[in-house]
Amino acid sequence: MTNPDHKEMGQALKKAYTKQLKEKVGNLSRDEVLEYLKNGKVTINGVEIQSGWLKIEKKFNEKYLTNTDLGVDTSFESSVILNLKQDENLR
C-alpha cells in the first residue's frame, strides 16, 4: 500500500500534480513499488516521483486480518502470523 505525501508532492510538482497523477500514485502496481524501493524514485505518467514522497506499507490480505484464529501484524521489515486457535496438543 502506498501513501503519498500530497503536500510535499504538490509543492514540488505544482501543476504537474494532477488529479489523475494523484490517483495513479495512490494505486501503484507491484512492479512500480519495487522500482521505487530499489531506486528511490519511479516515473509515473512522465513525472518522476522522488524518494521520500511515498510511504510504503505492507498489509495482510483481508482474509487473514478478519480471521479470529490468527494474530497478524506487519512492519516494513517483517510480518508475523500466529495461529491462536487452541487445540489439545497446544493445551
PDB file of N, CA and C in Angstrom:
ATOM      1  N   MET A   1       0.839  -1.161   0.000  1.00  0.00           N
ATOM      2  CA  MET A   1       0.000   0.000   0.000  1.00  0.00           C
ATOM      3  C   MET A   1       0.899   1.245   0.000  1.00  0.00           C
ATOM      4  N   THR A   2       0.549   2.205  -0.825  1.00  0.00           N
ATOM      5  CA  THR A   2       1.331   3.436  -0.895  1.00  0.00           C
ATOM      6  C   THR A   2       0.518   4.605  -0.348  1.00  0.00           C
ATOM      7  N   ASN A   3       1.173   5.431   0.426  1.00  0.00           N
ATOM      8  CA  ASN A   3       0.571   6.642   0.951  1.00  0.00           C
ATOM      9  C   ASN A   3       1.411   7.820   0.496  1.00  0.00           C
ATOM     10  N   PRO A   4       0.952   8.553  -0.510  1.00  0.00           N
ATOM     11  CA  PRO A   4       1.719   9.697  -0.996  1.00  0.00           C
ATOM     12  C   PRO A   4       1.650  10.873  -0.032  1.00  0.00           C
ATOM     13  N   ASP A   5       2.734  11.635   0.044  1.00  0.00           N
ATOM     14  CA  ASP A   5       2.758  12.886   0.801  1.00  0.00           C
ATOM     15  C   ASP A   5       2.249  13.968  -0.146  1.00  0.00           C
ATOM     16  N   HIS A   6       0.937  14.159  -0.153  1.00  0.00           N
ATOM     17  CA  HIS A   6       0.302  15.067  -1.113  1.00  0.00           C
ATOM     18  C   HIS A   6       0.827  16.498  -0.995  1.00  0.00           C
ATOM     19  N   LYS A   7       1.054  16.958   0.218  1.00  0.00           N
ATOM     20  CA  LYS A   7       1.517  18.336   0.413  1.00  0.00           C
ATOM     21  C   LYS A   7       2.898  18.537  -0.225  1.00  0.00           C
ATOM     22  N   GLU A   8       3.822  17.644   0.100  1.00  0.00           N
ATOM     23  CA  GLU A   8       5.183  17.761  -0.453  1.00  0.00           C
ATOM     24  C   GLU A   8       5.186  17.597  -1.968  1.00  0.00           C
ATOM     25  N   MET A   9       4.434  16.630  -2.453  1.00  0.00           N
ATOM     26  CA  MET A   9       4.399  16.392  -3.887  1.00  0.00           C
ATOM     27  C   MET A   9       3.755  17.568  -4.613  1.00  0.00           C
ATOM     28  N   GLY A  10       2.688  18.115  -4.048  1.00  0.00           N
ATOM     29  CA  GLY A  10       2.026  19.260  -4.654  1.00  0.00           C
ATOM     30  C   GLY A  10       2.932  20.474  -4.733  1.00  0.00           C
ATOM     31  N   GLN A  11       3.700  20.711  -3.655  1.00  0.00           N
ATOM     32  CA  GLN A  11       4.631  21.844  -3.649  1.00  0.00           C
ATOM     33  C   GLN A  11       5.748  21.655  -4.666  1.00  0.00           C
ATOM     34  N   ALA A  12       6.232  20.433  -4.796  1.00  0.00           N
ATOM     35  CA  ALA A  12       7.346  20.168  -5.709  1.00  0.00           C
ATOM     36  C   ALA A  12       6.896  20.115  -7.171  1.00  0.00           C
ATOM     37  N   LEU A  13       5.754  19.508  -7.415  1.00  0.00           N
ATOM     38  CA  LEU A  13       5.329  19.268  -8.794  1.00  0.00           C
ATOM     39  C   LEU A  13       4.418  20.361  -9.359  1.00  0.00           C
ATOM     40  N   LYS A  14       3.845  21.168  -8.486  1.00  0.00           N
ATOM     41  CA  LYS A  14       2.936  22.259  -8.895  1.00  0.00           C
ATOM     42  C   LYS A  14       1.812  21.711  -9.776  1.00  0.00           C
ATOM     43  N   LYS A  15       1.645  22.276 -10.968  1.00  0.00           N
ATOM     44  CA  LYS A  15       0.534  21.906 -11.856  1.00  0.00           C
ATOM     45  C   LYS A  15       0.647  20.486 -12.408  1.00  0.00           C
ATOM     46  N   ALA A  16       1.851  19.911 -12.347  1.00  0.00           N
ATOM     47  CA  ALA A  16       2.025  18.541 -12.837  1.00  0.00           C
ATOM     48  C   ALA A  16       1.360  17.526 -11.905  1.00  0.00           C
ATOM     49  N   TYR A  17       1.048  17.941 -10.680  1.00  0.00           N
ATOM     50  CA  TYR A  17       0.413  17.034  -9.718  1.00  0.00           C
ATOM     51  C   TYR A  17      -1.101  17.090  -9.901  1.00  0.00           C
ATOM     52  N   THR A  18      -1.548  16.449 -10.951  1.00  0.00           N
ATOM     53  CA  THR A  18      -2.956  16.454 -11.345  1.00  0.00           C
ATOM     54  C   THR A  18      -3.751  15.403 -10.575  1.00  0.00           C
ATOM     55  N   LYS A  19      -5.059  15.488 -10.685  1.00  0.00           N
ATOM     56  CA  LYS A  19      -5.940  14.503 -10.053  1.00  0.00           C
ATOM     57  C   LYS A  19      -5.630  13.100 -10.572  1.00  0.00           C
ATOM     58  N   GLN A  20      -5.391  12.993 -11.859  1.00  0.00           N
ATOM     59  CA  GLN A  20      -5.067  11.701 -12.475  1.00  0.00           C
ATOM     60  C   GLN A  20      -3.771  11.132 -11.894  1.00  0.00           C
ATOM     61  N   LEU A  21      -2.761  11.981 -11.713  1.00  0.00           N
ATOM     62  CA  LEU A  21      -1.490  11.522 -11.144  1.00  0.00           C
ATOM     63  C   LEU A  21      -1.679  11.110  -9.685  1.00  0.00           C
ATOM     64  N   LYS A  22      -2.457  11.869  -8.923  1.00  0.00           N
ATOM     65  CA  LYS A  22      -2.730  11.528  -7.524  1.00  0.00           C
ATOM     66  C   LYS A  22      -3.339  10.129  -7.422  1.00  0.00           C
ATOM     67  N   GLU A  23      -4.309   9.850  -8.285  1.00  0.00           N
ATOM     68  CA  GLU A  23      -4.956   8.537  -8.277  1.00  0.00           C
ATOM     69  C   GLU A  23      -3.968   7.435  -8.643  1.00  0.00           C
ATOM     70  N   LYS A  24      -3.146   7.685  -9.650  1.00  0.00           N
ATOM     71  CA  LYS A  24      -2.179   6.683 -10.096  1.00  0.00           C
ATOM     72  C   LYS A  24      -1.133   6.406  -9.017  1.00  0.00           C
ATOM     73  N   VAL A  25      -0.654   7.465  -8.362  1.00  0.00           N
ATOM     74  CA  VAL A  25       0.358   7.315  -7.312  1.00  0.00           C
ATOM     75  C   VAL A  25      -0.216   6.553  -6.123  1.00  0.00           C
ATOM     76  N   GLY A  26      -1.485   6.730  -5.843  1.00  0.00           N
ATOM     77  CA  GLY A  26      -2.126   6.017  -4.749  1.00  0.00           C
ATOM     78  C   GLY A  26      -2.406   4.560  -5.047  1.00  0.00           C
ATOM     79  N   ASN A  27      -2.277   4.161  -6.309  1.00  0.00           N
ATOM     80  CA  ASN A  27      -2.565   2.783  -6.721  1.00  0.00           C
ATOM     81  C   ASN A  27      -1.457   2.218  -7.593  1.00  0.00           C
ATOM     82  N   LEU A  28      -0.230   2.336  -7.145  1.00  0.00           N
ATOM     83  CA  LEU A  28       0.903   1.832  -7.926  1.00  0.00           C
ATOM     84  C   LEU A  28       0.863   0.310  -8.040  1.00  0.00           C
ATOM     85  N   SER A  29       1.384  -0.175  -9.143  1.00  0.00           N
ATOM     86  CA  SER A  29       1.494  -1.627  -9.329  1.00  0.00           C
ATOM     87  C   SER A  29       2.640  -2.152  -8.467  1.00  0.00           C
ATOM     88  N   ARG A  30       2.680  -3.446  -8.306  1.00  0.00           N
ATOM     89  CA  ARG A  30       3.753  -4.088  -7.534  1.00  0.00           C
ATOM     90  C   ARG A  30       5.116  -3.740  -8.127  1.00  0.00           C
ATOM     91  N   ASP A  31       5.222  -3.803  -9.452  1.00  0.00           N
ATOM     92  CA  ASP A  31       6.491  -3.501 -10.113  1.00  0.00           C
ATOM     93  C   ASP A  31       6.915  -2.053  -9.891  1.00  0.00           C
ATOM     94  N   GLU A  32       5.960  -1.132  -9.906  1.00  0.00           N
ATOM     95  CA  GLU A  32       6.276   0.279  -9.676  1.00  0.00           C
ATOM     96  C   GLU A  32       6.747   0.507  -8.242  1.00  0.00           C
ATOM     97  N   VAL A  33       6.111  -0.164  -7.291  1.00  0.00           N
ATOM     98  CA  VAL A  33       6.536  -0.054  -5.894  1.00  0.00           C
ATOM     99  C   VAL A  33       7.940  -0.607  -5.725  1.00  0.00           C
ATOM    100  N   LEU A  34       8.213  -1.759  -6.331  1.00  0.00           N
ATOM    101  CA  LEU A  34       9.544  -2.345  -6.236  1.00  0.00           C
ATOM    102  C   LEU A  34      10.609  -1.438  -6.862  1.00  0.00           C
ATOM    103  N   GLU A  35      10.281  -0.809  -7.975  1.00  0.00           N
ATOM    104  CA  GLU A  35      11.213   0.136  -8.605  1.00  0.00           C
ATOM    105  C   GLU A  35      11.483   1.317  -7.676  1.00  0.00           C
ATOM    106  N   TYR A  36      10.439   1.846  -7.053  1.00  0.00           N
ATOM    107  CA  TYR A  36      10.588   2.960  -6.120  1.00  0.00           C
ATOM    108  C   TYR A  36      11.476   2.560  -4.940  1.00  0.00           C
ATOM    109  N   LEU A  37      11.251   1.369  -4.396  1.00  0.00           N
ATOM    110  CA  LEU A  37      12.044   0.907  -3.268  1.00  0.00           C
ATOM    111  C   LEU A  37      13.504   0.665  -3.660  1.00  0.00           C
ATOM    112  N   LYS A  38      13.723   0.131  -4.847  1.00  0.00           N
ATOM    113  CA  LYS A  38      15.077  -0.180  -5.301  1.00  0.00           C
ATOM    114  C   LYS A  38      15.855   1.076  -5.683  1.00  0.00           C
ATOM    115  N   ASN A  39      15.231   1.981  -6.428  1.00  0.00           N
ATOM    116  CA  ASN A  39      15.939   3.134  -6.997  1.00  0.00           C
ATOM    117  C   ASN A  39      15.693   4.448  -6.251  1.00  0.00           C
ATOM    118  N   GLY A  40      14.727   4.458  -5.344  1.00  0.00           N
ATOM    119  CA  GLY A  40      14.399   5.691  -4.637  1.00  0.00           C
ATOM    120  C   GLY A  40      13.583   6.659  -5.466  1.00  0.00           C
ATOM    121  N   LYS A  41      13.110   6.196  -6.604  1.00  0.00           N
ATOM    122  CA  LYS A  41      12.264   7.018  -7.470  1.00  0.00           C
ATOM    123  C   LYS A  41      11.566   6.116  -8.470  1.00  0.00           C
ATOM    124  N   VAL A  42      10.491   6.637  -9.040  1.00  0.00           N
ATOM    125  CA  VAL A  42       9.761   5.924 -10.078  1.00  0.00           C
ATOM    126  C   VAL A  42       9.089   6.978 -10.952  1.00  0.00           C
ATOM    127  N   THR A  43       8.995   6.711 -12.245  1.00  0.00           N
ATOM    128  CA  THR A  43       8.355   7.642 -13.165  1.00  0.00           C
ATOM    129  C   THR A  43       6.939   7.168 -13.457  1.00  0.00           C
ATOM    130  N   ILE A  44       5.977   8.051 -13.190  1.00  0.00           N
ATOM    131  CA  ILE A  44       4.567   7.762 -13.393  1.00  0.00           C
ATOM    132  C   ILE A  44       3.998   8.827 -14.311  1.00  0.00           C
ATOM    133  N   ASN A  45       3.421   8.404 -15.428  1.00  0.00           N
ATOM    134  CA  ASN A  45       2.829   9.340 -16.399  1.00  0.00           C
ATOM    135  C   ASN A  45       3.819  10.448 -16.784  1.00  0.00           C
ATOM    136  N   GLY A  46       5.098  10.090 -16.912  1.00  0.00           N
ATOM    137  CA  GLY A  46       6.122  11.055 -17.308  1.00  0.00           C
ATOM    138  C   GLY A  46       6.617  11.953 -16.190  1.00  0.00           C
ATOM    139  N   VAL A  47       6.141  11.734 -14.958  1.00  0.00           N
ATOM    140  CA  VAL A  47       6.548  12.546 -13.811  1.00  0.00           C
ATOM    141  C   VAL A  47       7.373  11.683 -12.869  1.00  0.00           C
ATOM    142  N   GLU A  48       8.558  12.172 -12.486  1.00  0.00           N
ATOM    143  CA  GLU A  48       9.426  11.414 -11.602  1.00  0.00           C
ATOM    144  C   GLU A  48       9.005  11.628 -10.150  1.00  0.00           C
ATOM    145  N   ILE A  49       8.649  10.537  -9.475  1.00  0.00           N
ATOM    146  CA  ILE A  49       8.282  10.552  -8.068  1.00  0.00           C
ATOM    147  C   ILE A  49       9.550  10.290  -7.267  1.00  0.00           C
ATOM    148  N   GLN A  50       9.943  11.265  -6.459  1.00  0.00           N
ATOM    149  CA  GLN A  50      11.219  11.238  -5.754  1.00  0.00           C
ATOM    150  C   GLN A  50      11.155  10.453  -4.438  1.00  0.00           C
ATOM    151  N   SER A  51      12.335  10.096  -3.950  1.00  0.00           N
ATOM    152  CA  SER A  51      12.465   9.430  -2.664  1.00  0.00           C
ATOM    153  C   SER A  51      11.882  10.305  -1.554  1.00  0.00           C
ATOM    154  N   GLY A  52      11.157   9.683  -0.649  1.00  0.00           N
ATOM    155  CA  GLY A  52      10.551  10.385   0.466  1.00  0.00           C
ATOM    156  C   GLY A  52       9.140  10.875   0.205  1.00  0.00           C
ATOM    157  N   TRP A  53       8.701  10.825  -1.025  1.00  0.00           N
ATOM    158  CA  TRP A  53       7.357  11.285  -1.368  1.00  0.00           C
ATOM    159  C   TRP A  53       6.293  10.231  -1.094  1.00  0.00           C
ATOM    160  N   LEU A  54       6.708   8.976  -0.975  1.00  0.00           N
ATOM    161  CA  LEU A  54       5.762   7.883  -0.741  1.00  0.00           C
ATOM    162  C   LEU A  54       6.125   7.124   0.523  1.00  0.00           C
ATOM    163  N   LYS A  55       5.114   6.741   1.264  1.00  0.00           N
ATOM    164  CA  LYS A  55       5.295   5.841   2.392  1.00  0.00           C
ATOM    165  C   LYS A  55       4.713   4.502   1.961  1.00  0.00           C
ATOM    166  N   ILE A  56       5.542   3.484   1.975  1.00  0.00           N
ATOM    167  CA  ILE A  56       5.121   2.153   1.539  1.00  0.00           C
ATOM    168  C   ILE A  56       4.816   1.315   2.786  1.00  0.00           C
ATOM    169  N   GLU A  57       3.637   0.696   2.804  1.00  0.00           N
ATOM    170  CA  GLU A  57       3.236  -0.164   3.910  1.00  0.00           C
ATOM    171  C   GLU A  57       2.860  -1.540   3.383  1.00  0.00           C
ATOM    172  N   LYS A  58       3.236  -2.557   4.152  1.00  0.00           N
ATOM    173  CA  LYS A  58       2.787  -3.907   3.834  1.00  0.00           C
ATOM    174  C   LYS A  58       1.515  -4.175   4.627  1.00  0.00           C
ATOM    175  N   LYS A  59       0.571  -4.822   3.996  1.00  0.00           N
ATOM    176  CA  LYS A  59      -0.680  -5.176   4.677  1.00  0.00           C
ATOM    177  C   LYS A  59      -1.034  -6.614   4.342  1.00  0.00           C
ATOM    178  N   PHE A  60      -1.636  -7.290   5.310  1.00  0.00           N
ATOM    179  CA  PHE A  60      -2.112  -8.639   5.074  1.00  0.00           C
ATOM    180  C   PHE A  60      -3.404  -8.613   4.276  1.00  0.00           C
ATOM    181  N   ASN A  61      -3.638  -9.684   3.559  1.00  0.00           N
ATOM    182  CA  ASN A  61      -4.892  -9.899   2.857  1.00  0.00           C
ATOM    183  C   ASN A  61      -6.026  -9.897   3.872  1.00  0.00           C
ATOM    184  N   GLU A  62      -7.180  -9.393   3.478  1.00  0.00           N
ATOM    185  CA  GLU A  62      -8.344  -9.263   4.369  1.00  0.00           C
ATOM    186  C   GLU A  62      -8.727 -10.585   5.029  1.00  0.00           C
ATOM    187  N   LYS A  63      -8.544 -11.698   4.336  1.00  0.00           N
ATOM    188  CA  LYS A  63      -8.935 -12.986   4.927  1.00  0.00           C
ATOM    189  C   LYS A  63      -8.099 -13.327   6.160  1.00  0.00           C
ATOM    190  N   TYR A  64      -6.867 -12.836   6.229  1.00  0.00           N
ATOM    191  CA  TYR A  64      -6.023 -13.052   7.404  1.00  0.00           C
ATOM    192  C   TYR A  64      -6.354 -12.048   8.506  1.00  0.00           C
ATOM    193  N   LEU A  65      -6.633 -10.807   8.121  1.00  0.00           N
ATOM    194  CA  LEU A  65      -6.938  -9.771   9.101  1.00  0.00           C
ATOM    195  C   LEU A  65      -8.227 -10.054   9.870  1.00  0.00           C
ATOM    196  N   THR A  66      -9.202 -10.668   9.218  1.00  0.00           N
ATOM    197  CA  THR A  66     -10.501 -10.913   9.844  1.00  0.00           C
ATOM    198  C   THR A  66     -10.628 -12.300  10.472  1.00  0.00           C
ATOM    199  N   ASN A  67      -9.630 -13.142  10.297  1.00  0.00           N
ATOM    200  CA  ASN A  67      -9.675 -14.494  10.854  1.00  0.00           C
ATOM    201  C   ASN A  67      -9.376 -14.427  12.351  1.00  0.00           C
ATOM    202  N   THR A  68     -10.370 -14.789  13.173  1.00  0.00           N
ATOM    203  CA  THR A  68     -10.200 -14.707  14.631  1.00  0.00           C
ATOM    204  C   THR A  68      -9.263 -15.771  15.185  1.00  0.00           C
ATOM    205  N   ASP A  69      -8.910 -16.775  14.395  1.00  0.00           N
ATOM    206  CA  ASP A  69      -7.963 -17.800  14.828  1.00  0.00           C
ATOM    207  C   ASP A  69      -6.513 -17.357  14.630  1.00  0.00           C
ATOM    208  N   LEU A  70      -6.316 -16.216  13.983  1.00  0.00           N
ATOM    209  CA  LEU A  70      -4.965 -15.748  13.685  1.00  0.00           C
ATOM    210  C   LEU A  70      -4.692 -14.388  14.321  1.00  0.00           C
ATOM    211  N   GLY A  71      -3.453 -14.217  14.734  1.00  0.00           N
ATOM    212  CA  GLY A  71      -2.968 -12.902  15.149  1.00  0.00           C
ATOM    213  C   GLY A  71      -1.958 -12.464  14.111  1.00  0.00           C
ATOM    214  N   VAL A  72      -2.154 -11.293  13.502  1.00  0.00           N
ATOM    215  CA  VAL A  72      -1.263 -10.842  12.442  1.00  0.00           C
ATOM    216  C   VAL A  72      -0.777  -9.424  12.719  1.00  0.00           C
ATOM    217  N   ASP A  73       0.453  -9.154  12.316  1.00  0.00           N
ATOM    218  CA  ASP A  73       0.988  -7.799  12.378  1.00  0.00           C
ATOM    219  C   ASP A  73       2.112  -7.705  11.367  1.00  0.00           C
ATOM    220  N   THR A  74       2.372  -6.493  10.921  1.00  0.00           N
ATOM    221  CA  THR A  74       3.388  -6.288   9.904  1.00  0.00           C
ATOM    222  C   THR A  74       4.059  -4.938  10.092  1.00  0.00           C
ATOM    223  N   SER A  75       5.290  -4.873   9.668  1.00  0.00           N
ATOM    224  CA  SER A  75       6.021  -3.610   9.575  1.00  0.00           C
ATOM    225  C   SER A  75       6.693  -3.625   8.214  1.00  0.00           C
ATOM    226  N   PHE A  76       7.453  -2.606   7.921  1.00  0.00           N
ATOM    227  CA  PHE A  76       8.116  -2.576   6.620  1.00  0.00           C
ATOM    228  C   PHE A  76       9.135  -3.706   6.486  1.00  0.00           C
ATOM    229  N   GLU A  77       9.753  -4.100   7.597  1.00  0.00           N
ATOM    230  CA  GLU A  77      10.812  -5.106   7.550  1.00  0.00           C
ATOM    231  C   GLU A  77      10.332  -6.544   7.728  1.00  0.00           C
ATOM    232  N   SER A  78       9.212  -6.744   8.445  1.00  0.00           N
ATOM    233  CA  SER A  78       8.814  -8.117   8.727  1.00  0.00           C
ATOM    234  C   SER A  78       7.304  -8.249   8.869  1.00  0.00           C
ATOM    235  N   SER A  79       6.863  -9.504   8.839  1.00  0.00           N
ATOM    236  CA  SER A  79       5.455  -9.837   9.008  1.00  0.00           C
ATOM    237  C   SER A  79       5.344 -11.067   9.897  1.00  0.00           C
ATOM    238  N   VAL A  80       4.292 -11.114  10.715  1.00  0.00           N
ATOM    239  CA  VAL A  80       4.106 -12.233  11.632  1.00  0.00           C
ATOM    240  C   VAL A  80       2.647 -12.688  11.574  1.00  0.00           C
ATOM    241  N   ILE A  81       2.464 -14.007  11.504  1.00  0.00           N
ATOM    242  CA  ILE A  81       1.141 -14.618  11.622  1.00  0.00           C
ATOM    243  C   ILE A  81       1.245 -15.674  12.722  1.00  0.00           C
ATOM    244  N   LEU A  82       0.401 -15.556  13.730  1.00  0.00           N
ATOM    245  CA  LEU A  82       0.351 -16.554  14.796  1.00  0.00           C
ATOM    246  C   LEU A  82      -0.991 -17.261  14.755  1.00  0.00           C
ATOM    247  N   ASN A  83      -0.953 -18.580  14.860  1.00  0.00           N
ATOM    248  CA  ASN A  83      -2.178 -19.355  14.971  1.00  0.00           C
ATOM    249  C   ASN A  83      -2.586 -19.333  16.438  1.00  0.00           C
ATOM    250  N   LEU A  84      -3.697 -18.689  16.764  1.00  0.00           N
ATOM    251  CA  LEU A  84      -4.152 -18.530  18.138  1.00  0.00           C
ATOM    252  C   LEU A  84      -5.156 -19.586  18.569  1.00  0.00           C
ATOM    253  N   LYS A  85      -5.526 -20.460  17.643  1.00  0.00           N
ATOM    254  CA  LYS A  85      -6.529 -21.477  17.952  1.00  0.00           C
ATOM    255  C   LYS A  85      -5.909 -22.549  18.864  1.00  0.00           C
ATOM    256  N   GLN A  86      -6.562 -22.743  20.029  1.00  0.00           N
ATOM    257  CA  GLN A  86      -6.065 -23.737  20.966  1.00  0.00           C
ATOM    258  C   GLN A  86      -6.673 -25.106  20.649  1.00  0.00           C
ATOM    259  N   ASP A  87      -5.819 -26.109  20.653  1.00  0.00           N
ATOM    260  CA  ASP A  87      -6.290 -27.475  20.486  1.00  0.00           C
ATOM    261  C   ASP A  87      -5.683 -28.314  21.611  1.00  0.00           C
ATOM    262  N   GLU A  88      -5.944 -29.593  21.610  1.00  0.00           N
ATOM    263  CA  GLU A  88      -5.448 -30.469  22.688  1.00  0.00           C
ATOM    264  C   GLU A  88      -3.926 -30.482  22.752  1.00  0.00           C
ATOM    265  N   ASN A  89      -3.271 -30.509  21.617  1.00  0.00           N
ATOM    266  CA  ASN A  89      -1.797 -30.521  21.603  1.00  0.00           C
ATOM    267  C   ASN A  89      -1.220 -29.250  22.212  1.00  0.00           C
ATOM    268  N   LEU A  90      -1.840 -28.132  21.956  1.00  0.00           N
ATOM    269  CA  LEU A  90      -1.367 -26.858  22.482  1.00  0.00           C
ATOM    270  C   LEU A  90      -1.595 -26.754  23.988  1.00  0.00           C
ATOM    271  N   ARG A  91      -2.725 -27.247  24.454  1.00  0.00           N
ATOM    272  CA  ARG A  91      -3.030 -27.202  25.897  1.00  0.00           C
ATOM    273  C   ARG A  91      -2.083 -28.093  26.639  1.00  0.00           C
TER     274      ARG A  91
END
